[in-house]
């Protein structure tokens, strides 16, 4: 059989295939990259945030929390390793303080995703539940079943050379308030530029728990109601429980929304607005809400201003000398760095009281039923101002 013809055909075919492959590669390089699968990015985000939440629990190994390190960039892996170690230490400290968290549940809501070449940016909401170590009987008796939080993130993903998308950066958004238990950064303590400090507040509330038995929360609430018949404390708590995560659309929100939220809670329980206008909005003797920021009092949404209206001018609250005297619907305020200034940064409300421990709810970052024990441990240098409402 004549093989010379075969010797000619085989190199020719190889050359033709090489030409086709080269053209296809060039064509592929010229085409714009396909956008990432939104479902895949959501999965990566949830895996990453679940692993963070698991790390702060007493049971950190859970099947739903596949190793997020395998789907992160090199710098992000190093950052996540440091964070996971810090969160584990935090979880162990919480366990010693009040039993910690038994396990975590995280869900992610993707608001939008934009792609620019090999970079994708997703704005998401992390919704988490950190289960507390109470039995069903204790929960039925009034103990909180879990601590909840809802916090926005801006996540950045990059595409590697294989085409896989990797988590590159997490921008958590919780400026001004205590960060969720799954984060380790300190809260910002920059006061609003319109904060009006009227003078010396006196001694902050003590944080050492006094000796003695735990107060009955129902009896304490009844005593409050009888002393101030015009206020409905149960309505305050119901409002906070309903709107801690989903803001009431009847009100606008602020970048630092904690005191705006507390003013709404107080209003739901019977606080009456004062008269007011554009000209009087900076006056700490006024407390009112209107359709625009320039027709709403500073005391409505400013933590420092609210303090002076509530304690000094209206006397609608009474200062407590110890934070452990807080009961249902009472308010707790914080100055994160009192050595820096005397301006209050944050405002919270008590939504649970169980065996003498108050549980606080607040906006920025949105949190429901975080124990006073954990807040005090997280912020040992803060100055606290407790109010009987």
Protein backbone atom coordinates (compact mmCIF):
# COMPACT_ATOMS: atom_id res chain seq x y z
CA UNK A 1 0.00 0.00 0.00
CA UNK A 2 1.26 3.45 -0.92
CA UNK A 3 1.89 5.39 2.32
CA UNK A 4 3.29 8.56 0.82
CA UNK A 5 -0.17 10.03 0.49
CA UNK A 6 -0.81 9.48 4.22
CA UNK A 7 2.42 11.26 5.14
CA UNK A 8 1.14 14.33 3.34
CA UNK A 9 -2.37 14.29 4.79
CA UNK A 10 -1.53 13.97 8.49
CA UNK A 11 0.65 17.11 8.81
CA UNK A 12 -1.83 19.02 6.73
CA UNK A 13 -4.69 18.02 9.02
CA UNK A 14 -2.66 18.95 12.14
CA UNK A 15 -1.87 22.35 10.66
CA UNK A 16 -5.53 22.93 9.84
CA UNK A 17 -6.65 21.97 13.35
CA UNK A 18 -3.99 24.21 14.90
CA UNK A 19 -5.19 27.10 12.79
CA UNK A 20 -8.78 26.54 13.86
CA UNK A 21 -7.75 26.30 17.53
CA UNK A 22 -5.68 29.47 17.34
CA UNK A 23 -8.52 31.36 15.68
CA UNK A 24 -10.99 30.11 18.30
CA UNK A 25 -8.68 31.18 21.10
CA UNK A 26 -8.26 34.62 19.57
CA UNK A 27 -12.00 34.88 19.07
CA UNK A 28 -12.56 33.85 22.69
CA UNK A 29 -10.07 36.47 23.89
CA UNK A 30 -11.87 39.13 21.89
CA UNK A 31 -15.28 38.26 23.29
CA UNK A 32 -16.35 39.95 26.57
CA UNK A 33 -16.24 37.72 29.65
CA UNK A 34 -19.53 36.16 30.66
CA UNK A 35 -21.01 37.64 33.85
CA UNK A 36 -20.96 35.45 36.97
CA UNK A 37 -23.90 33.27 37.88
CA UNK A 38 -25.83 35.23 40.56
CA UNK A 39 -26.77 32.00 42.29
CA UNK A 40 -23.12 31.02 42.54
CA UNK A 41 -22.10 34.35 44.07
CA UNK A 42 -24.98 34.10 46.55
CA UNK A 43 -23.79 30.61 47.48
CA UNK A 44 -20.22 31.85 48.02
CA UNK A 45 -21.48 34.73 50.17
CA UNK A 46 -23.66 32.48 52.30
CA UNK A 47 -20.88 29.93 52.76
CA UNK A 48 -18.46 32.64 53.86
CA UNK A 49 -20.88 34.33 56.30
CA UNK A 50 -22.06 30.99 57.69
CA UNK A 51 -18.49 30.03 58.48
CA UNK A 52 -17.97 33.32 60.32
CA UNK A 53 -21.16 32.76 62.33
CA UNK A 54 -20.25 29.16 63.11
CA UNK A 55 -16.87 30.25 64.43
CA UNK A 56 -18.43 32.26 67.28
CA UNK A 57 -20.62 29.35 68.47
CA UNK A 58 -19.86 26.51 70.85
CA UNK A 59 -20.42 24.06 67.98
CA UNK A 60 -18.31 25.50 65.13
CA UNK A 61 -18.28 22.44 62.85
CA UNK A 62 -21.43 22.33 60.73
CA UNK A 63 -21.99 20.73 57.33
CA UNK A 64 -23.64 23.82 55.87
CA UNK A 65 -20.47 25.81 56.46
CA UNK A 66 -18.19 24.37 53.77
CA UNK A 67 -14.68 25.82 53.95
CA UNK A 68 -14.89 29.36 52.57
CA UNK A 69 -11.09 29.52 52.43
CA UNK A 70 -11.13 27.39 49.29
CA UNK A 71 -13.12 30.03 47.41
CA UNK A 72 -11.26 33.18 48.46
CA UNK A 73 -8.27 35.07 47.09
CA UNK A 74 -4.89 34.79 48.82
CA UNK A 75 -5.15 38.06 50.78
CA UNK A 76 -8.76 37.29 51.71
CA UNK A 77 -7.76 33.84 52.96
CA UNK A 78 -5.19 35.39 55.28
CA UNK A 79 -7.72 37.92 56.57
CA UNK A 80 -10.38 35.26 57.07
CA UNK A 81 -8.00 32.99 58.98
CA UNK A 82 -7.25 35.84 61.39
CA UNK A 83 -10.93 36.66 61.76
CA UNK A 84 -11.98 33.06 62.35
CA UNK A 85 -9.36 32.71 65.09
CA UNK A 86 -10.54 35.96 66.72
CA UNK A 87 -14.18 34.89 66.46
CA UNK A 88 -13.38 31.56 68.09
CA UNK A 89 -11.77 33.42 71.00
CA UNK A 90 -14.80 35.69 71.17
CA UNK A 91 -17.13 32.68 71.21
CA UNK A 92 -15.19 31.09 74.05
CA UNK A 93 -15.40 34.33 76.03
CA UNK A 94 -19.16 34.50 75.43
CA UNK A 95 -19.50 30.92 76.64
CA UNK A 96 -17.89 31.86 79.94
CA UNK A 97 -20.00 35.01 80.24
CA UNK A 98 -23.48 33.59 79.65
CA UNK A 99 -23.26 30.23 77.87
CA UNK A 100 -22.54 31.69 74.43
CA UNK A 101 -24.33 30.53 71.28
CA UNK A 102 -25.12 26.90 70.53
CA UNK A 103 -25.29 27.24 66.75
CA UNK A 104 -25.89 29.75 63.97
CA UNK A 105 -28.25 30.09 61.03
CA UNK A 106 -27.41 32.49 58.19
CA UNK A 107 -29.40 33.51 55.12
CA UNK A 108 -28.34 35.95 52.42
CA UNK A 109 -30.49 38.34 50.38
CA UNK A 110 -28.75 39.68 47.26
CA UNK A 111 -29.86 43.23 46.47
CA UNK A 112 -27.85 43.75 43.29
CA UNK A 113 -24.67 42.65 41.51
CA UNK A 114 -22.57 44.61 39.02
CA UNK A 115 -19.71 43.24 36.90
CA UNK A 116 -16.74 45.11 35.51
CA UNK A 117 -14.43 42.77 33.61
CA UNK A 118 -13.05 40.25 36.08
CA UNK A 119 -14.53 41.99 39.14
CA UNK A 120 -18.06 41.56 40.49
CA UNK A 121 -19.58 43.60 43.32
CA UNK A 122 -22.60 42.35 45.25
CA UNK A 123 -24.66 44.32 47.75
CA UNK A 124 -26.26 41.85 50.14
CA UNK A 125 -28.08 41.63 53.45
CA UNK A 126 -26.89 39.02 55.93
CA UNK A 127 -29.69 37.79 58.19
CA UNK A 128 -28.48 35.67 61.07
CA UNK A 129 -29.78 33.89 64.15
CA UNK A 130 -27.45 32.93 66.95
CA UNK A 131 -29.18 30.33 69.11
CA UNK A 132 -28.94 30.80 72.87
CA UNK A 133 -28.48 27.90 75.32
CA UNK A 134 -31.97 28.02 76.81
CA UNK A 135 -34.27 25.04 77.03
CA UNK A 136 -37.78 25.01 75.57
CA UNK A 137 -39.12 25.38 79.11
CA UNK A 138 -36.98 28.46 79.70
CA UNK A 139 -38.05 29.99 76.39
CA UNK A 140 -41.68 29.42 77.33
CA UNK A 141 -40.89 31.15 80.63
CA UNK A 142 -39.62 34.27 78.85
CA UNK A 143 -36.02 33.57 77.85
CA UNK A 144 -35.02 34.70 74.34
CA UNK A 145 -34.60 31.79 71.95
CA UNK A 146 -31.90 33.49 69.90
CA UNK A 147 -30.11 36.74 69.18
CA UNK A 148 -30.82 38.05 65.69
CA UNK A 149 -28.98 40.48 63.46
CA UNK A 150 -29.36 41.91 59.96
CA UNK A 151 -26.43 43.72 58.40
CA UNK A 152 -25.57 44.96 54.88
CA UNK A 153 -22.33 43.94 53.15
CA UNK A 154 -20.61 44.97 49.96
CA UNK A 155 -18.79 41.87 48.73
CA UNK A 156 -16.17 41.99 45.98
CA UNK A 157 -15.38 38.92 43.88
CA UNK A 158 -12.60 38.44 41.32
CA UNK A 159 -12.23 35.85 38.57
CA UNK A 160 -9.06 33.74 38.59
CA UNK A 161 -7.21 32.38 35.56
CA UNK A 162 -9.38 29.25 35.51
CA UNK A 163 -12.55 31.31 35.31
CA UNK A 164 -13.65 30.64 38.91
CA UNK A 165 -15.01 33.50 41.02
CA UNK A 166 -13.31 34.07 44.37
CA UNK A 167 -14.24 36.29 47.31
CA UNK A 168 -11.76 39.18 47.50
CA UNK A 169 -13.20 41.67 49.99
CA UNK A 170 -15.98 42.13 52.54
CA UNK A 171 -17.17 45.64 53.37
CA UNK A 172 -19.52 45.24 56.33
CA UNK A 173 -21.75 48.27 56.96
CA UNK A 174 -22.44 48.89 60.65
CA UNK A 175 -21.02 52.35 61.29
CA UNK A 176 -21.90 53.92 64.61
CA UNK A 177 -23.34 50.96 66.46
CA UNK A 178 -22.10 47.72 67.97
CA UNK A 179 -21.03 45.37 65.21
CA UNK A 180 -22.79 41.98 65.08
CA UNK A 181 -21.28 39.20 67.17
CA UNK A 182 -19.94 37.68 63.93
CA UNK A 183 -17.68 40.72 63.38
CA UNK A 184 -14.69 41.89 65.39
CA UNK A 185 -14.25 45.58 64.50
CA UNK A 186 -14.96 48.34 67.00
CA UNK A 187 -17.90 50.67 66.36
CA UNK A 188 -17.24 54.14 65.02
CA UNK A 189 -17.42 56.82 67.68
CA UNK A 190 -17.58 59.95 65.54
CA UNK A 191 -20.51 62.00 66.85
CA UNK A 192 -22.99 63.64 64.53
CA UNK A 193 -21.91 67.20 63.70
CA UNK A 194 -25.15 68.57 65.17
CA UNK A 195 -24.71 66.91 68.59
CA UNK A 196 -25.34 69.43 71.32
CA UNK A 197 -23.61 68.63 74.60
CA UNK A 198 -25.21 70.83 77.25
CA UNK A 199 -22.74 70.12 80.02
CA UNK A 200 -21.59 67.51 82.49
CA UNK A 201 -23.82 64.43 82.57
CA UNK A 202 -22.44 63.38 85.91
CA UNK A 203 -21.41 59.85 86.73
CA UNK A 204 -22.25 57.20 84.15
CA UNK A 205 -24.25 54.15 85.19
CA UNK A 206 -22.25 51.50 87.04
CA UNK A 207 -21.74 48.14 85.33
CA UNK A 208 -20.99 45.88 88.29
CA UNK A 209 -23.93 43.64 88.96
CA UNK A 210 -25.26 44.29 92.48
CA UNK A 211 -25.90 41.36 94.82
CA UNK A 212 -29.42 40.10 95.37
CA UNK A 213 -32.04 38.09 93.59
CA UNK A 214 -33.36 38.73 90.11
CA UNK A 215 -36.38 40.97 89.69
CA UNK A 216 -39.59 39.55 88.29
CA UNK A 217 -39.84 41.20 84.83
CA UNK A 218 -43.63 41.13 84.80
CA UNK A 219 -43.90 42.66 88.25
CA UNK A 220 -41.28 45.30 87.36
CA UNK A 221 -43.11 46.20 84.17
CA UNK A 222 -46.41 46.43 86.05
CA UNK A 223 -44.80 48.74 88.62
CA UNK A 224 -43.50 50.97 85.84
CA UNK A 225 -46.90 51.12 84.19
CA UNK A 226 -48.66 52.03 87.40
CA UNK A 227 -46.13 54.77 88.13
CA UNK A 228 -46.48 56.27 84.65
CA UNK A 229 -49.98 55.42 83.52
CA UNK A 230 -49.70 57.49 80.35
CA UNK A 231 -47.11 55.18 78.75
CA UNK A 232 -47.69 51.76 77.22
CA UNK A 233 -44.46 49.82 77.73
CA UNK A 234 -45.77 46.65 76.11
CA UNK A 235 -46.49 48.67 72.96
CA UNK A 236 -42.90 49.94 72.99
CA UNK A 237 -41.55 46.40 73.13
CA UNK A 238 -43.94 45.17 70.43
CA UNK A 239 -42.86 47.99 68.13
CA UNK A 240 -39.16 47.23 68.66
CA UNK A 241 -39.73 43.51 68.07
CA UNK A 242 -41.62 44.25 64.85
CA UNK A 243 -39.33 46.86 63.32
CA UNK A 244 -35.83 45.98 64.52
CA UNK A 245 -34.98 44.56 61.09
CA UNK A 246 -37.57 45.97 58.72
CA UNK A 247 -37.92 49.73 59.22
CA UNK A 248 -41.38 51.25 59.44
CA UNK A 249 -42.07 52.87 56.05
CA UNK A 250 -43.92 55.70 57.83
CA UNK A 251 -40.49 57.05 58.84
CA UNK A 252 -37.31 57.75 56.90
CA UNK A 253 -34.07 56.12 57.96
CA UNK A 254 -30.75 57.76 58.80
CA UNK A 255 -27.19 56.63 58.15
CA UNK A 256 -26.86 56.15 61.91
CA UNK A 257 -30.42 55.11 62.69
CA UNK A 258 -30.30 54.00 66.32
CA UNK A 259 -31.92 57.02 67.98
CA UNK A 260 -34.45 57.52 65.18
CA UNK A 261 -35.57 53.95 65.93
CA UNK A 262 -35.75 54.57 69.69
CA UNK A 263 -37.80 57.75 69.18
CA UNK A 264 -40.27 55.68 67.16
CA UNK A 265 -40.39 53.09 69.96
CA UNK A 266 -41.11 55.79 72.54
CA UNK A 267 -43.76 57.37 70.33
CA UNK A 268 -45.45 53.97 69.90
CA UNK A 269 -45.67 53.76 73.68
CA UNK A 270 -47.28 57.14 74.18
CA UNK A 271 -44.60 59.82 74.09
CA UNK A 272 -46.18 62.99 72.68
CA UNK A 273 -44.31 65.27 70.31
CA UNK A 274 -43.69 68.85 71.30
CA UNK A 275 -44.40 71.78 69.07
CA UNK A 276 -41.56 72.62 66.72
CA UNK A 277 -40.42 74.04 63.41
CA UNK A 278 -37.37 74.64 61.24
CA UNK A 279 -36.31 77.42 63.58
CA UNK A 280 -36.49 75.26 66.74
CA UNK A 281 -35.15 71.95 65.42
CA UNK A 282 -31.78 72.44 67.20
CA UNK A 283 -33.42 73.13 70.54
CA UNK A 284 -32.99 70.19 72.90
CA UNK A 285 -36.21 71.15 74.65
CA UNK A 286 -38.09 70.08 71.51
CA UNK A 287 -38.82 66.56 70.25
CA UNK A 288 -40.78 66.19 67.02
CA UNK A 289 -40.79 64.42 63.66
CA UNK A 290 -41.86 65.87 60.31
CA UNK A 291 -41.63 64.99 56.63
CA UNK A 292 -38.14 66.49 56.14
CA UNK A 293 -34.92 66.39 58.12
CA UNK A 294 -34.93 70.18 58.35
CA UNK A 295 -38.36 70.10 59.98
CA UNK A 296 -37.45 67.33 62.46
CA UNK A 297 -35.79 68.03 65.80
CA UNK A 298 -32.20 67.01 66.44
CA UNK A 299 -33.45 65.24 69.55
CA UNK A 300 -35.42 62.82 67.39
CA UNK A 301 -32.42 61.12 65.75
CA UNK A 302 -29.33 62.38 67.62
CA UNK A 303 -28.24 60.22 70.57
CA UNK A 304 -26.66 63.10 72.51
CA UNK A 305 -29.61 65.43 71.86
CA UNK A 306 -32.12 62.73 72.83
CA UNK A 307 -30.35 62.33 76.16
CA UNK A 308 -30.79 65.97 77.11
CA UNK A 309 -34.42 66.08 76.04
CA UNK A 310 -35.33 62.84 77.81
CA UNK A 311 -33.44 63.41 81.07
CA UNK A 312 -33.13 67.14 81.60
CA UNK A 313 -35.85 69.02 79.74
CA UNK A 314 -38.86 66.70 79.56
CA UNK A 315 -37.90 64.43 82.46
CA UNK A 316 -39.60 61.59 80.60
CA UNK A 317 -36.79 59.31 81.69
CA UNK A 318 -34.97 58.87 84.97
CA UNK A 319 -31.26 58.14 85.09
CA UNK A 320 -30.37 54.79 86.66
CA UNK A 321 -27.17 54.49 88.66
CA UNK A 322 -26.59 50.90 87.50
CA UNK A 323 -27.21 49.26 84.13
CA UNK A 324 -28.44 46.11 85.88
CA UNK A 325 -31.51 48.02 87.04
CA UNK A 326 -32.77 48.17 83.44
CA UNK A 327 -36.10 46.50 82.78
CA UNK A 328 -38.44 46.03 79.82
CA UNK A 329 -38.76 49.12 77.56
CA UNK A 330 -35.97 50.98 79.37
CA UNK A 331 -33.28 52.69 77.29
CA UNK A 332 -29.52 52.22 77.38
CA UNK A 333 -27.12 54.67 75.73
CA UNK A 334 -23.37 54.39 75.16
CA UNK A 335 -20.37 56.61 74.62
CA UNK A 336 -17.82 54.25 73.08
CA UNK A 337 -14.71 56.28 73.96
CA UNK A 338 -15.45 58.60 76.89
CA UNK A 339 -11.79 59.59 77.20
CA UNK A 340 -12.04 61.16 73.77
CA UNK A 341 -15.24 63.15 74.29
CA UNK A 342 -18.43 63.33 76.36
CA UNK A 343 -20.79 62.70 73.43
CA UNK A 344 -23.22 59.77 73.44
CA UNK A 345 -22.90 57.61 70.32
CA UNK A 346 -25.60 54.95 70.50
CA UNK A 347 -29.11 54.22 71.83
CA UNK A 348 -30.84 50.87 72.56
CA UNK A 349 -34.03 49.57 74.16
CA UNK A 350 -34.62 46.57 76.44
CA UNK A 351 -36.94 44.03 74.77
CA UNK A 352 -36.35 41.06 77.12
CA UNK A 353 -35.53 40.61 80.77
CA UNK A 354 -34.76 37.09 81.89
CA UNK A 355 -33.35 36.11 85.28
CA UNK A 356 -32.12 39.65 85.81
CA UNK A 357 -30.33 39.98 82.47
CA UNK A 358 -31.63 42.67 80.07
CA UNK A 359 -31.57 41.92 76.33
CA UNK A 360 -31.16 44.93 74.05
CA UNK A 361 -32.55 45.71 70.60
CA UNK A 362 -31.34 48.46 68.28
CA UNK A 363 -30.68 49.75 64.76
CA UNK A 364 -27.16 50.25 63.33
CA UNK A 365 -26.34 47.45 63.07
CA UNK A 366 -29.79 46.00 63.34
CA UNK A 367 -29.83 43.60 66.29
CA UNK A 368 -32.57 41.90 68.31
CA UNK A 369 -32.16 40.63 71.88
CA UNK A 370 -28.42 40.91 72.52
CA UNK A 371 -27.60 40.30 76.16
CA UNK A 372 -26.27 43.11 78.31
CA UNK A 373 -23.54 40.72 79.46
CA UNK A 374 -22.14 40.45 75.93
CA UNK A 375 -22.42 44.19 75.26
CA UNK A 376 -20.48 45.01 78.41
CA UNK A 377 -17.82 42.43 77.54
CA UNK A 378 -17.49 43.74 73.98
CA UNK A 379 -17.07 47.36 75.09
CA UNK A 380 -15.23 47.43 78.43
CA UNK A 381 -14.15 51.06 78.05
CA UNK A 382 -17.54 52.53 77.15
CA UNK A 383 -19.53 54.88 79.35
CA UNK A 384 -23.11 53.69 79.77
CA UNK A 385 -26.21 55.76 80.53
CA UNK A 386 -29.25 53.75 81.64
CA UNK A 387 -32.72 55.33 81.59
CA UNK A 388 -35.94 54.29 83.29
CA UNK A 389 -38.60 55.24 80.72
